[in-house]
Amino acid sequence: MPRVRITVAACLGVLALSALASAPASAAGWMVNGTALSGSQALATTAPVDESSVIKGAGVTITCSGKTFNGATPQIESTNKGSAADFEFTECKASSPCTLEGKTIKTEAVTLEATLEGTEAVLAKLKPKTGTLFATIGFEGAECAIEGCQPVSGTAKVLAPTGQKERTWQRIEEIQTANGEFKVGSGSAELSGSALLKLANGEPWSLL
């Protein structure tokens, strides 16, 4: 082969490898019992809480210590999506001098998009199905700096540390930092906590 052709072929090979190396991580899609998901698959509507959910923002810490994390019609959807009519945090309490109007915080309808993270984990971004409002929280207390109804808005991140491995139970961690993407009132907020999710039919699942 003439030298020019060899050089051109080598350059094309380098470019192809560079494109693969620089391509962003993406997800092939959900797997259920070893088969790629087509359509949707329901998640269990209650999930055992591993670590209490904590929301920190606007100078207030909210701790939701309920034993279960509940969802209305939660599901995963082909290829790497998900949704729920709402999620519910229970046994919630605000730090002094604030109190909450009730013990339950219920979100609006939400959607998620999951991507691969490293060699084992799955990262999902959770956001309202429409608009930016996640939930509304009522704060009380004469000395509470954010007394009244306050919006919770933006985008939250959750991590499944071993989500690429097919398992019946997947541990989901709320890992949102105070970077301005997630807010209580007008201030940046943090979200932490974890729960164990499974499919309603109990089959093993993953994202690959």
Protein backbone atom coordinates (compact mmCIF):
# COMPACT_ATOMS: atom_id res chain seq x y z
CA MET A 1 0.00 0.00 0.00
CA PRO A 2 1.41 3.45 -0.91
CA ARG A 3 2.70 5.45 2.05
CA VAL A 4 0.03 8.14 1.63
CA ARG A 5 -2.77 5.57 1.91
CA ILE A 6 -1.18 4.01 4.98
CA THR A 7 -0.92 7.42 6.64
CA VAL A 8 -4.53 8.31 5.84
CA ALA A 9 -5.76 4.95 7.16
CA ALA A 10 -3.77 5.39 10.37
CA CYS A 11 -5.16 8.90 10.88
CA LEU A 12 -8.72 7.69 10.39
CA GLY A 13 -8.13 4.94 12.94
CA VAL A 14 -6.80 7.45 15.48
CA LEU A 15 -9.79 9.74 14.91
CA ALA A 16 -12.24 6.87 15.39
CA LEU A 17 -10.60 5.81 18.65
CA SER A 18 -10.52 9.43 19.84
CA ALA A 19 -14.24 9.80 19.15
CA LEU A 20 -15.02 6.70 21.16
CA ALA A 21 -12.82 7.82 24.04
CA SER A 22 -14.35 11.29 24.19
CA ALA A 23 -17.99 10.19 23.81
CA PRO A 24 -20.08 10.90 26.91
CA ALA A 25 -21.15 7.94 29.07
CA SER A 26 -24.59 6.74 28.06
CA ALA A 27 -26.94 3.99 29.06
CA ALA A 28 -28.03 1.18 26.81
CA GLY A 29 -31.16 0.86 28.89
CA TRP A 30 -32.87 -0.95 31.74
CA MET A 31 -32.47 -4.70 32.00
CA VAL A 32 -35.08 -6.85 33.75
CA ASN A 33 -34.19 -10.46 34.50
CA GLY A 34 -31.50 -10.39 31.81
CA THR A 35 -33.69 -8.90 29.08
CA ALA A 36 -33.71 -5.33 27.75
CA LEU A 37 -36.82 -3.50 28.91
CA SER A 38 -39.39 -2.64 26.27
CA GLY A 39 -42.12 -0.28 27.43
CA SER A 40 -42.34 0.15 31.22
CA GLN A 41 -42.07 -1.88 34.40
CA ALA A 42 -43.71 -0.98 37.71
CA LEU A 43 -41.65 -0.41 40.82
CA ALA A 44 -42.90 -1.39 44.28
CA THR A 45 -44.92 1.48 45.77
CA THR A 46 -43.14 1.28 49.13
CA ALA A 47 -39.38 1.16 49.68
CA PRO A 48 -37.66 0.41 52.97
CA VAL A 49 -35.66 3.42 54.16
CA ASP A 50 -31.98 2.72 54.75
CA GLU A 51 -31.04 6.22 55.94
CA SER A 52 -33.49 9.00 56.80
CA SER A 53 -33.98 11.66 54.13
CA VAL A 54 -32.59 15.06 55.11
CA ILE A 55 -33.23 18.36 53.32
CA LYS A 56 -31.02 21.29 54.30
CA GLY A 57 -31.82 24.73 52.94
CA ALA A 58 -32.85 28.27 53.85
CA GLY A 59 -31.33 27.83 57.30
CA VAL A 60 -33.61 24.89 58.16
CA THR A 61 -32.95 21.15 58.35
CA ILE A 62 -35.87 18.82 57.61
CA THR A 63 -35.46 15.19 58.67
CA CYS A 64 -37.95 12.59 57.41
CA SER A 65 -37.52 9.50 59.57
CA GLY A 66 -40.36 7.31 58.26
CA LYS A 67 -39.49 3.64 57.80
CA THR A 68 -40.72 3.61 54.20
CA PHE A 69 -40.39 5.86 51.15
CA ASN A 70 -43.64 5.76 49.19
CA GLY A 71 -44.47 6.37 45.54
CA ALA A 72 -47.66 6.53 43.46
CA THR A 73 -47.37 4.51 40.22
CA PRO A 74 -43.54 4.56 40.20
CA GLN A 75 -42.02 2.86 37.16
CA ILE A 76 -38.94 2.53 34.99
CA GLU A 77 -39.40 3.19 31.28
CA SER A 78 -37.49 2.19 28.15
CA THR A 79 -34.78 2.95 27.55
CA ASN A 80 -33.31 4.77 30.57
CA LYS A 81 -36.22 6.82 31.92
CA GLY A 82 -38.60 6.63 34.87
CA SER A 83 -41.57 8.43 36.42
CA ALA A 84 -44.00 8.57 39.34
CA ALA A 85 -47.26 10.41 40.00
CA ASP A 86 -45.67 11.49 43.29
CA PHE A 87 -43.18 10.49 45.99
CA GLU A 88 -43.92 10.76 49.67
CA PHE A 89 -41.57 11.45 52.58
CA THR A 90 -43.05 10.55 55.98
CA GLU A 91 -42.49 11.43 59.64
CA CYS A 92 -40.89 14.75 58.68
CA LYS A 93 -39.73 17.30 61.24
CA ALA A 94 -38.04 20.72 60.90
CA SER A 95 -35.23 22.04 63.07
CA SER A 96 -36.05 24.67 65.70
CA PRO A 97 -37.37 27.35 65.67
CA CYS A 98 -39.37 26.10 62.67
CA THR A 99 -42.08 23.45 62.63
CA LEU A 100 -43.97 21.89 59.72
CA GLU A 101 -47.69 22.10 59.02
CA GLY A 102 -47.76 18.31 58.64
CA LYS A 103 -45.51 15.26 58.94
CA THR A 104 -45.71 14.26 55.28
CA ILE A 105 -44.04 15.90 52.27
CA LYS A 106 -45.48 14.81 48.92
CA THR A 107 -43.91 15.75 45.60
CA GLU A 108 -45.57 16.66 42.33
CA ALA A 109 -45.38 14.20 39.41
CA VAL A 110 -41.73 13.54 38.60
CA THR A 111 -39.57 12.05 35.85
CA LEU A 112 -36.02 10.74 35.86
CA GLU A 113 -33.26 10.01 33.39
CA ALA A 114 -30.49 7.56 34.30
CA THR A 115 -26.94 7.23 32.97
CA LEU A 116 -24.00 4.99 33.72
CA GLU A 117 -21.53 6.27 36.32
CA GLY A 118 -18.15 4.55 36.39
CA THR A 119 -18.05 0.76 36.21
CA GLU A 120 -20.83 -0.14 38.68
CA ALA A 121 -22.99 2.86 39.57
CA VAL A 122 -26.00 4.51 37.94
CA LEU A 123 -26.69 8.25 38.29
CA ALA A 124 -30.22 9.57 37.84
CA LYS A 125 -31.49 13.13 37.59
CA LEU A 126 -34.93 13.62 39.08
CA LYS A 127 -37.09 16.59 38.11
CA PRO A 128 -40.74 17.66 38.04
CA LYS A 129 -42.72 16.35 35.08
CA THR A 130 -43.84 19.88 34.29
CA GLY A 131 -42.33 23.17 35.37
CA THR A 132 -39.80 23.34 38.20
CA LEU A 133 -41.91 22.75 41.33
CA PHE A 134 -41.08 19.55 43.25
CA ALA A 135 -43.22 20.17 46.32
CA THR A 136 -44.61 22.83 48.63
CA ILE A 137 -43.70 22.81 52.32
CA GLY A 138 -45.59 24.76 54.96
CA PHE A 139 -43.38 26.18 57.72
CA GLU A 140 -44.67 27.52 61.03
CA GLY A 141 -43.16 29.34 64.00
CA ALA A 142 -43.08 32.99 65.02
CA GLU A 143 -39.27 33.00 64.83
CA CYS A 144 -38.98 30.80 61.72
CA ALA A 145 -37.11 32.74 59.03
CA ILE A 146 -39.09 31.07 56.21
CA GLU A 147 -42.54 30.90 57.84
CA GLY A 148 -45.35 30.14 55.39
CA CYS A 149 -45.58 28.00 52.26
CA GLN A 150 -42.25 27.57 50.49
CA PRO A 151 -41.58 25.91 47.13
CA VAL A 152 -39.07 23.09 46.69
CA SER A 153 -37.84 23.31 43.12
CA GLY A 154 -35.19 22.33 40.60
CA THR A 155 -33.39 19.06 39.83
CA ALA A 156 -32.16 16.44 42.29
CA LYS A 157 -29.55 13.72 41.82
CA VAL A 158 -29.74 10.16 43.11
CA LEU A 159 -27.13 7.42 42.86
CA ALA A 160 -27.47 3.64 42.72
CA PRO A 161 -23.93 2.53 43.74
CA THR A 162 -24.29 -0.92 42.13
CA GLY A 163 -27.06 -0.13 39.66
CA GLN A 164 -25.19 -1.76 36.76
CA LYS A 165 -25.36 -5.11 38.54
CA GLU A 166 -28.61 -7.02 38.16
CA ARG A 167 -30.17 -7.28 41.63
CA THR A 168 -33.62 -7.66 43.16
CA TRP A 169 -33.01 -4.73 45.54
CA GLN A 170 -31.19 -1.60 44.38
CA ARG A 171 -29.89 0.86 46.99
CA ILE A 172 -30.71 4.42 45.95
CA GLU A 173 -28.84 7.33 47.56
CA GLU A 174 -29.94 10.97 47.45
CA ILE A 175 -26.74 12.91 46.79
CA GLN A 176 -27.86 16.43 45.89
CA THR A 177 -25.37 19.09 47.02
CA ALA A 178 -26.06 22.79 47.54
CA ASN A 179 -24.99 23.83 44.04
CA GLY A 180 -28.05 25.85 43.06
CA GLU A 181 -29.79 23.07 41.11
CA PHE A 182 -32.14 22.19 43.99
CA LYS A 183 -33.81 24.85 46.14
CA VAL A 184 -36.00 25.42 49.19
CA GLY A 185 -37.62 28.82 48.81
CA SER A 186 -35.07 30.90 46.89
CA GLY A 187 -32.01 29.32 48.51
CA SER A 188 -29.84 26.41 47.39
CA ALA A 189 -30.49 23.17 49.29
CA GLU A 190 -28.97 19.75 49.94
CA LEU A 191 -30.69 16.36 49.87
CA SER A 192 -29.37 13.15 51.43
CA GLY A 193 -30.69 9.76 52.52
CA SER A 194 -31.18 6.31 51.00
CA ALA A 195 -33.78 3.62 50.38
CA LEU A 196 -34.00 0.16 48.82
CA LEU A 197 -36.02 -0.12 45.61
CA LYS A 198 -37.30 -3.20 43.82
CA LEU A 199 -39.62 -3.97 40.94
CA ALA A 200 -43.23 -4.74 41.79
CA ASN A 201 -42.84 -8.26 40.36
CA GLY A 202 -39.64 -8.89 42.35
CA GLU A 203 -37.45 -9.65 39.32
CA PRO A 204 -33.78 -8.58 39.26
CA TRP A 205 -33.03 -5.37 37.35
CA SER A 206 -30.17 -3.09 36.34
CA LEU A 207 -29.07 -0.44 33.85
CA LEU A 208 -26.53 -1.48 31.20
